[in-house]
Amino acid sequence: MVLSPEEFYAHARTAADAEGRLQLSRMAYWEVAPFEPQGLRVVPLRPPVLPEPARGGEDPADCHACRRDDEPLWQDENWELRRIGGVGVPLVLMLLPREHFDLADLPDERAAELGTLTVHLARHLEALPHVARAHAYRFGDGGAHLHVWFFARPAGQAQLFGSWLPVWDDLLPEYPDEIAEADGVAVARALADGYGGSAR
């Protein structure tokens, strides 16, 4: 038996207060959480919306990722790597297939490449002397074209551990762009040397 969207909502509401607010999660009390739990409130849980709104790029003809014509940091015949600017951590990269695929649509050969590329990117990010860890994320609710995020956690910043890193990234002041660009180029060149493809 499964819960329908309406049943899931009703089930979740059993743990909510009169305003539909759930209790703070355990994550809010983690030492690495960026917010103090006192005074923090959960927004009311909204009822389901069906059908769900379309994501950006559901139609490949309208897909921003498919239409980009600027030069990526790195590319081969199947994949491209881009640097995301305006971030707070040392480096954020995005890996995308050059063809219009979502994760569940990825052919097995591309899926194998994704696994290998993920490992290579983690190695090259973590080889940067000021980066302790590479975090890889795939969300997929905003865009239909597969895009995998790679966040570089700065060395020594234990408060930025774990799944709160993207939130910390949004809170931190913008990291110097010229340093991030140089690091992105270094990672792209290392990827080209160790995996193949071409880097700028």
N, C-alpha and C. Protein backbone atom coordinates (compact mmCIF):
# COMPACT_ATOMS: atom_id res chain seq x y z
N MET A 1 0.84 -1.19 0.00
CA MET A 1 0.00 0.00 0.00
C MET A 1 0.89 1.25 0.00
N VAL A 2 0.49 2.24 -0.75
CA VAL A 2 1.21 3.51 -0.79
C VAL A 2 0.26 4.63 -0.38
N LEU A 3 0.84 5.76 0.01
CA LEU A 3 0.04 6.92 0.35
C LEU A 3 -0.11 7.80 -0.88
N SER A 4 -1.34 8.21 -1.18
CA SER A 4 -1.56 9.17 -2.25
C SER A 4 -1.00 10.51 -1.80
N PRO A 5 -0.82 11.48 -2.71
CA PRO A 5 -0.35 12.80 -2.28
C PRO A 5 -1.22 13.41 -1.18
N GLU A 6 -2.52 13.25 -1.29
CA GLU A 6 -3.43 13.79 -0.26
C GLU A 6 -3.27 13.05 1.06
N GLU A 7 -3.09 11.72 0.99
CA GLU A 7 -2.89 10.93 2.21
C GLU A 7 -1.54 11.26 2.86
N PHE A 8 -0.52 11.48 2.03
CA PHE A 8 0.78 11.87 2.58
C PHE A 8 0.66 13.20 3.31
N TYR A 9 -0.03 14.15 2.72
CA TYR A 9 -0.24 15.46 3.34
C TYR A 9 -0.99 15.31 4.66
N ALA A 10 -2.06 14.52 4.67
CA ALA A 10 -2.83 14.31 5.89
C ALA A 10 -1.99 13.64 6.96
N HIS A 11 -1.18 12.68 6.56
CA HIS A 11 -0.29 12.00 7.50
C HIS A 11 0.71 12.99 8.11
N ALA A 12 1.32 13.82 7.26
CA ALA A 12 2.29 14.80 7.75
C ALA A 12 1.63 15.80 8.69
N ARG A 13 0.40 16.18 8.40
CA ARG A 13 -0.30 17.15 9.24
C ARG A 13 -0.59 16.62 10.65
N THR A 14 -0.55 15.29 10.82
CA THR A 14 -0.78 14.74 12.16
C THR A 14 0.34 15.14 13.12
N ALA A 15 1.51 15.49 12.59
CA ALA A 15 2.64 15.92 13.42
C ALA A 15 2.77 17.43 13.49
N ALA A 16 1.86 18.16 12.83
CA ALA A 16 1.94 19.62 12.76
C ALA A 16 1.05 20.27 13.82
N ASP A 17 1.34 21.55 14.08
CA ASP A 17 0.50 22.30 15.02
C ASP A 17 -0.73 22.83 14.29
N ALA A 18 -1.51 23.63 14.97
CA ALA A 18 -2.76 24.14 14.41
C ALA A 18 -2.54 24.98 13.16
N GLU A 19 -1.37 25.61 13.03
CA GLU A 19 -1.07 26.42 11.85
C GLU A 19 -0.46 25.59 10.71
N GLY A 20 -0.33 24.29 10.92
CA GLY A 20 0.27 23.43 9.90
C GLY A 20 1.78 23.42 9.92
N ARG A 21 2.38 23.88 11.05
CA ARG A 21 3.84 23.93 11.16
C ARG A 21 4.36 22.66 11.84
N LEU A 22 5.32 22.01 11.18
CA LEU A 22 5.98 20.85 11.77
C LEU A 22 7.01 21.32 12.78
N GLN A 23 7.46 20.41 13.62
CA GLN A 23 8.53 20.72 14.56
C GLN A 23 9.84 20.90 13.81
N LEU A 24 10.78 21.61 14.40
CA LEU A 24 12.10 21.72 13.79
C LEU A 24 12.71 20.33 13.64
N SER A 25 13.45 20.14 12.57
CA SER A 25 14.08 18.85 12.34
C SER A 25 15.27 18.66 13.27
N ARG A 26 15.72 17.42 13.37
CA ARG A 26 16.93 17.12 14.14
C ARG A 26 18.12 17.90 13.58
N MET A 27 18.11 18.11 12.27
CA MET A 27 19.21 18.83 11.63
C MET A 27 19.36 20.24 12.18
N ALA A 28 18.27 20.85 12.60
CA ALA A 28 18.34 22.22 13.12
C ALA A 28 19.14 22.29 14.41
N TYR A 29 19.31 21.16 15.09
CA TYR A 29 20.06 21.11 16.36
C TYR A 29 21.48 20.59 16.18
N TRP A 30 21.85 20.26 14.95
CA TRP A 30 23.22 19.82 14.70
C TRP A 30 24.17 20.97 14.97
N GLU A 31 25.34 20.65 15.40
CA GLU A 31 26.36 21.67 15.69
C GLU A 31 26.73 22.47 14.44
N VAL A 32 26.57 21.88 13.27
CA VAL A 32 26.93 22.56 12.02
C VAL A 32 25.79 23.34 11.40
N ALA A 33 24.62 23.34 12.03
CA ALA A 33 23.48 24.09 11.48
C ALA A 33 23.80 25.58 11.48
N PRO A 34 23.41 26.31 10.43
CA PRO A 34 23.75 27.73 10.36
C PRO A 34 22.79 28.63 11.13
N PHE A 35 21.76 28.08 11.74
CA PHE A 35 20.78 28.89 12.45
C PHE A 35 20.65 28.42 13.89
N GLU A 36 20.38 29.35 14.79
CA GLU A 36 20.08 28.97 16.17
C GLU A 36 18.62 28.53 16.22
N PRO A 37 18.35 27.37 16.80
CA PRO A 37 16.98 26.85 16.78
C PRO A 37 15.97 27.74 17.52
N GLN A 38 16.42 28.46 18.57
CA GLN A 38 15.50 29.29 19.32
C GLN A 38 14.95 30.38 18.40
N GLY A 39 13.64 30.43 18.27
CA GLY A 39 12.99 31.43 17.44
C GLY A 39 12.84 31.04 15.99
N LEU A 40 13.50 29.97 15.57
CA LEU A 40 13.38 29.49 14.19
C LEU A 40 12.05 28.75 14.05
N ARG A 41 11.33 29.03 12.99
CA ARG A 41 10.03 28.38 12.78
C ARG A 41 9.98 27.71 11.43
N VAL A 42 9.26 26.63 11.36
CA VAL A 42 9.02 25.93 10.11
C VAL A 42 7.81 26.58 9.43
N VAL A 43 7.90 26.81 8.13
CA VAL A 43 6.75 27.37 7.41
C VAL A 43 5.62 26.36 7.42
N PRO A 44 4.38 26.81 7.34
CA PRO A 44 3.27 25.85 7.30
C PRO A 44 3.39 24.92 6.09
N LEU A 45 3.04 23.67 6.31
CA LEU A 45 3.06 22.68 5.24
C LEU A 45 1.87 22.94 4.32
N ARG A 46 2.14 23.12 3.04
CA ARG A 46 1.08 23.41 2.08
C ARG A 46 0.51 22.11 1.51
N PRO A 47 -0.75 22.11 1.13
CA PRO A 47 -1.33 20.90 0.52
C PRO A 47 -0.70 20.62 -0.84
N PRO A 48 -0.83 19.38 -1.32
CA PRO A 48 -0.22 19.03 -2.60
C PRO A 48 -0.86 19.79 -3.76
N VAL A 49 -0.06 20.00 -4.80
CA VAL A 49 -0.52 20.61 -6.04
C VAL A 49 -0.30 19.58 -7.15
N LEU A 50 -1.40 19.15 -7.75
CA LEU A 50 -1.34 18.16 -8.82
C LEU A 50 -2.18 18.63 -9.99
N PRO A 51 -1.69 18.47 -11.18
CA PRO A 51 -0.36 17.98 -11.49
C PRO A 51 0.70 18.99 -11.04
N GLU A 52 1.91 18.49 -10.81
CA GLU A 52 2.99 19.39 -10.41
C GLU A 52 3.31 20.35 -11.54
N PRO A 53 3.74 21.57 -11.19
CA PRO A 53 4.15 22.51 -12.25
C PRO A 53 5.32 21.95 -13.04
N ALA A 54 5.36 22.29 -14.32
CA ALA A 54 6.44 21.83 -15.18
C ALA A 54 7.76 22.45 -14.74
N ARG A 55 8.81 21.67 -14.84
CA ARG A 55 10.15 22.19 -14.57
C ARG A 55 10.65 22.95 -15.79
N GLY A 56 11.65 23.80 -15.58
CA GLY A 56 12.27 24.47 -16.71
C GLY A 56 12.92 23.45 -17.63
N GLY A 57 12.71 23.61 -18.93
CA GLY A 57 13.36 22.74 -19.90
C GLY A 57 12.74 21.38 -20.07
N GLU A 58 11.49 21.20 -19.67
CA GLU A 58 10.83 19.90 -19.93
C GLU A 58 10.83 19.62 -21.43
N ASP A 59 10.59 20.66 -22.21
CA ASP A 59 10.68 20.56 -23.66
C ASP A 59 12.10 20.96 -24.06
N PRO A 60 12.86 20.05 -24.68
CA PRO A 60 14.23 20.39 -25.05
C PRO A 60 14.34 21.67 -25.87
N ALA A 61 13.30 22.01 -26.63
CA ALA A 61 13.34 23.24 -27.43
C ALA A 61 13.39 24.49 -26.55
N ASP A 62 12.92 24.37 -25.29
CA ASP A 62 12.92 25.50 -24.36
C ASP A 62 13.97 25.35 -23.26
N CYS A 63 14.87 24.41 -23.41
CA CYS A 63 15.84 24.10 -22.35
C CYS A 63 17.01 25.07 -22.41
N HIS A 64 17.21 25.81 -21.32
CA HIS A 64 18.31 26.77 -21.23
C HIS A 64 19.66 26.06 -21.35
N ALA A 65 19.80 24.89 -20.72
CA ALA A 65 21.07 24.16 -20.76
C ALA A 65 21.41 23.71 -22.18
N CYS A 66 20.40 23.35 -22.97
CA CYS A 66 20.64 22.91 -24.34
C CYS A 66 21.00 24.08 -25.26
N ARG A 67 20.57 25.28 -24.92
CA ARG A 67 20.76 26.45 -25.79
C ARG A 67 22.01 27.25 -25.46
N ARG A 68 22.71 26.94 -24.39
CA ARG A 68 23.89 27.74 -24.02
C ARG A 68 24.95 27.63 -25.11
N ASP A 69 25.56 28.77 -25.41
CA ASP A 69 26.60 28.74 -26.43
C ASP A 69 27.93 29.30 -25.92
N ASP A 70 27.98 29.62 -24.61
CA ASP A 70 29.26 30.07 -24.06
C ASP A 70 30.15 28.86 -23.79
N GLU A 71 31.43 29.10 -23.73
CA GLU A 71 32.39 28.01 -23.60
C GLU A 71 32.43 27.47 -22.17
N PRO A 72 32.24 26.17 -21.99
CA PRO A 72 32.35 25.60 -20.64
C PRO A 72 33.81 25.52 -20.20
N LEU A 73 34.02 25.24 -18.92
CA LEU A 73 35.38 25.03 -18.41
C LEU A 73 36.04 23.81 -19.05
N TRP A 74 35.24 22.77 -19.23
CA TRP A 74 35.72 21.50 -19.76
C TRP A 74 34.58 20.86 -20.53
N GLN A 75 34.94 20.08 -21.56
CA GLN A 75 33.92 19.33 -22.30
C GLN A 75 34.55 18.16 -23.03
N ASP A 76 33.70 17.17 -23.27
CA ASP A 76 34.05 16.12 -24.22
C ASP A 76 32.83 15.92 -25.09
N GLU A 77 32.74 14.83 -25.81
CA GLU A 77 31.62 14.67 -26.74
C GLU A 77 30.28 14.48 -26.03
N ASN A 78 30.29 14.10 -24.75
CA ASN A 78 29.04 13.79 -24.04
C ASN A 78 28.73 14.69 -22.86
N TRP A 79 29.72 15.38 -22.30
CA TRP A 79 29.54 16.11 -21.05
C TRP A 79 30.19 17.48 -21.12
N GLU A 80 29.73 18.38 -20.27
CA GLU A 80 30.39 19.67 -20.10
C GLU A 80 30.39 20.06 -18.62
N LEU A 81 31.39 20.81 -18.25
CA LEU A 81 31.56 21.26 -16.87
C LEU A 81 31.57 22.78 -16.86
N ARG A 82 30.77 23.37 -15.98
CA ARG A 82 30.66 24.82 -15.88
C ARG A 82 30.92 25.26 -14.45
N ARG A 83 31.47 26.47 -14.31
CA ARG A 83 31.65 27.06 -12.99
C ARG A 83 30.47 27.97 -12.71
N ILE A 84 29.95 27.89 -11.49
CA ILE A 84 28.85 28.75 -11.05
C ILE A 84 29.47 29.92 -10.28
N GLY A 85 29.16 31.13 -10.69
CA GLY A 85 29.71 32.32 -10.04
C GLY A 85 28.81 32.83 -8.93
N GLY A 86 29.33 33.77 -8.17
CA GLY A 86 28.53 34.42 -7.13
C GLY A 86 28.25 33.54 -5.93
N VAL A 87 29.15 32.62 -5.62
CA VAL A 87 28.94 31.69 -4.51
C VAL A 87 29.83 32.06 -3.34
N GLY A 88 29.58 31.47 -2.18
CA GLY A 88 30.34 31.78 -0.97
C GLY A 88 31.47 30.81 -0.66
N VAL A 89 31.35 29.58 -1.14
CA VAL A 89 32.41 28.60 -0.91
C VAL A 89 33.46 28.76 -2.01
N PRO A 90 34.64 28.13 -1.88
CA PRO A 90 35.70 28.37 -2.85
C PRO A 90 35.34 28.07 -4.31
N LEU A 91 34.53 27.05 -4.54
CA LEU A 91 34.25 26.68 -5.93
C LEU A 91 32.96 25.87 -5.97
N VAL A 92 32.11 26.19 -6.94
CA VAL A 92 30.92 25.39 -7.24
C VAL A 92 30.94 25.11 -8.73
N LEU A 93 30.90 23.84 -9.08
CA LEU A 93 30.90 23.41 -10.47
C LEU A 93 29.61 22.67 -10.77
N MET A 94 29.24 22.66 -12.05
CA MET A 94 28.05 21.93 -12.47
C MET A 94 28.41 21.08 -13.68
N LEU A 95 28.11 19.79 -13.59
CA LEU A 95 28.35 18.83 -14.67
C LEU A 95 27.02 18.52 -15.34
N LEU A 96 26.99 18.64 -16.66
CA LEU A 96 25.75 18.41 -17.42
C LEU A 96 26.04 17.53 -18.63
N PRO A 97 25.08 16.65 -19.01
CA PRO A 97 25.25 15.95 -20.28
C PRO A 97 25.00 16.94 -21.42
N ARG A 98 25.66 16.76 -22.51
CA ARG A 98 25.47 17.68 -23.65
C ARG A 98 24.14 17.41 -24.34
N GLU A 99 23.67 16.18 -24.29
CA GLU A 99 22.34 15.87 -24.82
C GLU A 99 21.31 16.08 -23.71
N HIS A 100 20.06 16.24 -24.09
CA HIS A 100 18.99 16.51 -23.13
C HIS A 100 18.52 15.22 -22.47
N PHE A 101 19.10 14.94 -21.30
CA PHE A 101 18.71 13.79 -20.49
C PHE A 101 18.45 14.26 -19.07
N ASP A 102 17.53 13.60 -18.39
CA ASP A 102 17.41 13.72 -16.95
C ASP A 102 18.06 12.46 -16.37
N LEU A 103 18.21 12.41 -15.05
CA LEU A 103 18.92 11.28 -14.45
C LEU A 103 18.28 9.95 -14.78
N ALA A 104 16.96 9.86 -14.68
CA ALA A 104 16.27 8.59 -14.93
C ALA A 104 16.28 8.20 -16.40
N ASP A 105 16.57 9.15 -17.29
CA ASP A 105 16.61 8.88 -18.74
C ASP A 105 18.01 8.57 -19.24
N LEU A 106 19.01 8.72 -18.39
CA LEU A 106 20.40 8.62 -18.82
C LEU A 106 20.69 7.20 -19.31
N PRO A 107 21.17 7.04 -20.54
CA PRO A 107 21.54 5.70 -21.00
C PRO A 107 22.66 5.13 -20.12
N ASP A 108 22.74 3.82 -20.06
CA ASP A 108 23.71 3.17 -19.18
C ASP A 108 25.14 3.63 -19.44
N GLU A 109 25.49 3.82 -20.70
CA GLU A 109 26.86 4.26 -21.02
C GLU A 109 27.13 5.65 -20.43
N ARG A 110 26.16 6.57 -20.56
CA ARG A 110 26.33 7.91 -19.96
C ARG A 110 26.33 7.81 -18.44
N ALA A 111 25.53 6.91 -17.88
CA ALA A 111 25.50 6.74 -16.42
C ALA A 111 26.86 6.28 -15.90
N ALA A 112 27.49 5.37 -16.62
CA ALA A 112 28.83 4.91 -16.22
C ALA A 112 29.82 6.07 -16.29
N GLU A 113 29.72 6.88 -17.33
CA GLU A 113 30.59 8.05 -17.44
C GLU A 113 30.35 9.02 -16.29
N LEU A 114 29.09 9.21 -15.93
CA LEU A 114 28.76 10.11 -14.82
C LEU A 114 29.44 9.65 -13.54
N GLY A 115 29.40 8.36 -13.28
CA GLY A 115 30.07 7.84 -12.08
C GLY A 115 31.57 8.09 -12.11
N THR A 116 32.19 7.83 -13.24
CA THR A 116 33.63 8.04 -13.36
C THR A 116 33.98 9.52 -13.27
N LEU A 117 33.22 10.37 -13.93
CA LEU A 117 33.47 11.81 -13.87
C LEU A 117 33.29 12.36 -12.46
N THR A 118 32.31 11.85 -11.74
CA THR A 118 32.08 12.29 -10.37
C THR A 118 33.30 12.00 -9.50
N VAL A 119 33.86 10.81 -9.65
CA VAL A 119 35.05 10.44 -8.89
C VAL A 119 36.23 11.33 -9.27
N HIS A 120 36.45 11.52 -10.57
CA HIS A 120 37.56 12.37 -11.02
C HIS A 120 37.41 13.80 -10.49
N LEU A 121 36.21 14.34 -10.59
CA LEU A 121 35.99 15.72 -10.12
C LEU A 121 36.23 15.82 -8.62
N ALA A 122 35.77 14.86 -7.86
CA ALA A 122 36.01 14.88 -6.41
C ALA A 122 37.51 14.85 -6.13
N ARG A 123 38.25 14.02 -6.82
CA ARG A 123 39.70 13.95 -6.63
C ARG A 123 40.37 15.29 -6.92
N HIS A 124 39.99 15.91 -8.05
CA HIS A 124 40.65 17.15 -8.47
C HIS A 124 40.25 18.32 -7.58
N LEU A 125 39.01 18.35 -7.14
CA LEU A 125 38.59 19.41 -6.20
C LEU A 125 39.32 19.26 -4.88
N GLU A 126 39.40 18.04 -4.38
CA GLU A 126 40.04 17.82 -3.09
C GLU A 126 41.56 17.93 -3.17
N ALA A 127 42.12 17.99 -4.38
CA ALA A 127 43.56 18.22 -4.54
C ALA A 127 43.91 19.69 -4.39
N LEU A 128 42.92 20.58 -4.47
CA LEU A 128 43.19 21.99 -4.25
C LEU A 128 43.60 22.16 -2.79
N PRO A 129 44.67 22.89 -2.49
CA PRO A 129 45.19 22.92 -1.12
C PRO A 129 44.26 23.56 -0.09
N HIS A 130 43.33 24.37 -0.53
CA HIS A 130 42.43 25.05 0.40
C HIS A 130 41.04 24.43 0.43
N VAL A 131 40.90 23.24 -0.16
CA VAL A 131 39.62 22.52 -0.19
C VAL A 131 39.77 21.22 0.57
N ALA A 132 38.86 20.97 1.51
CA ALA A 132 38.92 19.74 2.29
C ALA A 132 38.08 18.62 1.69
N ARG A 133 36.92 18.98 1.14
CA ARG A 133 36.00 17.95 0.68
C ARG A 133 35.20 18.46 -0.51
N ALA A 134 34.86 17.54 -1.40
CA ALA A 134 33.97 17.84 -2.53
C ALA A 134 32.63 17.18 -2.26
N HIS A 135 31.57 17.98 -2.26
CA HIS A 135 30.21 17.46 -2.09
C HIS A 135 29.54 17.42 -3.46
N ALA A 136 28.87 16.34 -3.78
CA ALA A 136 28.13 16.20 -5.04
C ALA A 136 26.64 16.12 -4.74
N TYR A 137 25.84 16.89 -5.47
CA TYR A 137 24.39 16.95 -5.25
C TYR A 137 23.66 16.88 -6.59
N ARG A 138 22.57 16.16 -6.60
CA ARG A 138 21.63 16.20 -7.72
C ARG A 138 20.25 16.43 -7.11
N PHE A 139 19.60 17.51 -7.49
CA PHE A 139 18.27 17.81 -6.96
C PHE A 139 17.22 17.52 -8.02
N GLY A 140 17.17 18.26 -9.10
CA GLY A 140 16.31 17.93 -10.23
C GLY A 140 14.90 18.49 -10.21
N ASP A 141 14.51 19.25 -9.19
CA ASP A 141 13.15 19.78 -9.17
C ASP A 141 13.00 21.08 -9.97
N GLY A 142 14.10 21.78 -10.22
CA GLY A 142 14.00 23.06 -10.92
C GLY A 142 14.21 22.97 -12.42
N GLY A 143 15.02 22.03 -12.86
CA GLY A 143 15.33 21.90 -14.28
C GLY A 143 15.30 20.46 -14.73
N ALA A 144 14.76 20.23 -15.94
CA ALA A 144 14.61 18.87 -16.45
C ALA A 144 15.90 18.33 -17.06
N HIS A 145 16.86 19.21 -17.37
CA HIS A 145 18.14 18.77 -17.93
C HIS A 145 19.04 18.40 -16.74
N LEU A 146 19.52 17.17 -16.71
CA LEU A 146 20.35 16.71 -15.60
C LEU A 146 21.50 17.69 -15.35
N HIS A 147 21.68 18.06 -14.10
CA HIS A 147 22.82 18.89 -13.70
C HIS A 147 23.23 18.46 -12.29
N VAL A 148 24.49 18.11 -12.17
CA VAL A 148 25.03 17.64 -10.89
C VAL A 148 25.95 18.74 -10.36
N TRP A 149 25.67 19.15 -9.12
CA TRP A 149 26.42 20.22 -8.47
C TRP A 149 27.60 19.63 -7.70
N PHE A 150 28.73 20.33 -7.74
CA PHE A 150 29.91 19.98 -6.95
C PHE A 150 30.30 21.20 -6.13
N PHE A 151 30.20 21.09 -4.82
CA PHE A 151 30.55 22.17 -3.90
C PHE A 151 31.88 21.84 -3.23
N ALA A 152 32.81 22.78 -3.24
CA ALA A 152 34.10 22.61 -2.59
C ALA A 152 34.01 23.18 -1.18
N ARG A 153 34.13 22.29 -0.17
CA ARG A 153 34.11 22.79 1.22
C ARG A 153 35.49 23.29 1.58
N PRO A 154 35.58 24.54 2.09
CA PRO A 154 36.89 25.07 2.44
C PRO A 154 37.54 24.31 3.58
N ALA A 155 38.84 24.15 3.48
CA ALA A 155 39.61 23.45 4.52
C ALA A 155 39.50 24.19 5.84
N GLY A 156 39.41 23.41 6.91
CA GLY A 156 39.40 23.96 8.26
C GLY A 156 38.06 24.48 8.73
N GLN A 157 37.07 24.52 7.84
CA GLN A 157 35.76 25.05 8.21
C GLN A 157 34.82 23.90 8.59
N ALA A 158 35.07 23.33 9.76
CA ALA A 158 34.29 22.18 10.21
C ALA A 158 32.82 22.54 10.42
N GLN A 159 32.53 23.79 10.63
CA GLN A 159 31.14 24.20 10.82
C GLN A 159 30.34 24.05 9.52
N LEU A 160 31.01 23.91 8.39
CA LEU A 160 30.34 23.78 7.11
C LEU A 160 30.18 22.33 6.68
N PHE A 161 30.40 21.39 7.61
CA PHE A 161 30.27 19.97 7.30
C PHE A 161 28.87 19.62 6.80
N GLY A 162 28.80 18.63 5.93
CA GLY A 162 27.57 17.92 5.63
C GLY A 162 26.54 18.65 4.79
N SER A 163 25.30 18.22 4.98
CA SER A 163 24.21 18.65 4.11
C SER A 163 23.81 20.11 4.26
N TRP A 164 24.32 20.79 5.27
CA TRP A 164 24.05 22.22 5.42
C TRP A 164 24.94 23.06 4.50
N LEU A 165 25.92 22.47 3.83
CA LEU A 165 26.88 23.25 3.05
C LEU A 165 26.21 24.17 2.01
N PRO A 166 25.23 23.73 1.23
CA PRO A 166 24.61 24.66 0.27
C PRO A 166 23.93 25.85 0.95
N VAL A 167 23.43 25.66 2.17
CA VAL A 167 22.82 26.78 2.89
C VAL A 167 23.90 27.74 3.35
N TRP A 168 24.98 27.21 3.91
CA TRP A 168 26.10 28.06 4.30
C TRP A 168 26.61 28.84 3.09
N ASP A 169 26.71 28.16 1.94
CA ASP A 169 27.17 28.81 0.72
C ASP A 169 26.33 30.05 0.41
N ASP A 170 25.04 29.94 0.61
CA ASP A 170 24.13 31.05 0.33
C ASP A 170 24.27 32.17 1.36
N LEU A 171 24.73 31.86 2.56
CA LEU A 171 24.88 32.85 3.62
C LEU A 171 26.23 33.58 3.57
N LEU A 172 27.26 32.91 3.09
CA LEU A 172 28.61 33.47 3.10
C LEU A 172 28.74 34.60 2.07
N PRO A 173 29.65 35.54 2.32
CA PRO A 173 29.89 36.57 1.29
C PRO A 173 30.50 35.93 0.05
N GLU A 174 30.38 36.61 -1.07
CA GLU A 174 30.87 36.05 -2.32
C GLU A 174 32.38 35.82 -2.28
N TYR A 175 32.77 34.62 -2.67
CA TYR A 175 34.18 34.25 -2.73
C TYR A 175 34.84 35.01 -3.88
N PRO A 176 36.12 35.40 -3.76
CA PRO A 176 36.77 36.16 -4.83
C PRO A 176 36.71 35.42 -6.18
N ASP A 177 36.12 36.08 -7.16
CA ASP A 177 35.86 35.45 -8.45
C ASP A 177 37.13 35.02 -9.16
N GLU A 178 38.18 35.84 -9.08
CA GLU A 178 39.41 35.51 -9.81
C GLU A 178 40.07 34.25 -9.25
N ILE A 179 39.94 34.02 -7.94
CA ILE A 179 40.51 32.80 -7.34
C ILE A 179 39.67 31.59 -7.76
N ALA A 180 38.34 31.75 -7.71
CA ALA A 180 37.45 30.65 -8.11
C ALA A 180 37.66 30.29 -9.58
N GLU A 181 37.83 31.29 -10.43
CA GLU A 181 38.06 31.02 -11.85
C GLU A 181 39.35 30.25 -12.05
N ALA A 182 40.43 30.66 -11.38
CA ALA A 182 41.71 29.95 -11.50
C ALA A 182 41.59 28.52 -11.00
N ASP A 183 40.87 28.33 -9.89
CA ASP A 183 40.67 26.98 -9.36
C ASP A 183 39.83 26.14 -10.32
N GLY A 184 38.79 26.74 -10.89
CA GLY A 184 37.96 26.02 -11.85
C GLY A 184 38.75 25.58 -13.06
N VAL A 185 39.60 26.46 -13.57
CA VAL A 185 40.44 26.12 -14.72
C VAL A 185 41.42 25.00 -14.33
N ALA A 186 41.98 25.06 -13.13
CA ALA A 186 42.91 24.01 -12.69
C ALA A 186 42.21 22.65 -12.61
N VAL A 187 41.00 22.63 -12.08
CA VAL A 187 40.24 21.37 -12.00
C VAL A 187 39.92 20.87 -13.40
N ALA A 188 39.51 21.77 -14.29
CA ALA A 188 39.16 21.37 -15.66
C ALA A 188 40.37 20.80 -16.39
N ARG A 189 41.53 21.41 -16.20
CA ARG A 189 42.74 20.91 -16.87
C ARG A 189 43.17 19.56 -16.30
N ALA A 190 43.04 19.40 -15.00
CA ALA A 190 43.36 18.11 -14.40
C ALA A 190 42.41 17.03 -14.91
N LEU A 191 41.13 17.40 -15.08
CA LEU A 191 40.15 16.46 -15.62
C LEU A 191 40.51 16.07 -17.05
N ALA A 192 40.90 17.06 -17.86
CA ALA A 192 41.30 16.76 -19.23
C ALA A 192 42.53 15.87 -19.27
N ASP A 193 43.49 16.11 -18.38
CA ASP A 193 44.71 15.29 -18.34
C ASP A 193 44.43 13.86 -17.90
N GLY A 194 43.53 13.70 -16.89
CA GLY A 194 43.30 12.37 -16.32
C GLY A 194 42.17 11.59 -16.93
N TYR A 195 41.20 12.30 -17.54
CA TYR A 195 40.01 11.61 -18.06
C TYR A 195 39.91 11.77 -19.57
N GLY A 196 40.28 12.93 -20.06
CA GLY A 196 40.14 13.23 -21.50
C GLY A 196 39.30 14.47 -21.68
N GLY A 197 38.93 14.74 -22.90
CA GLY A 197 38.18 15.96 -23.20
C GLY A 197 39.12 17.14 -23.29
N SER A 198 38.54 18.33 -23.36
CA SER A 198 39.35 19.53 -23.50
C SER A 198 38.93 20.58 -22.48
N ALA A 199 39.91 21.31 -21.97
CA ALA A 199 39.67 22.36 -20.99
C ALA A 199 40.06 23.69 -21.60
N ARG A 200 39.47 24.77 -21.05
CA ARG A 200 39.89 26.09 -21.52
C ARG A 200 41.25 26.44 -20.95
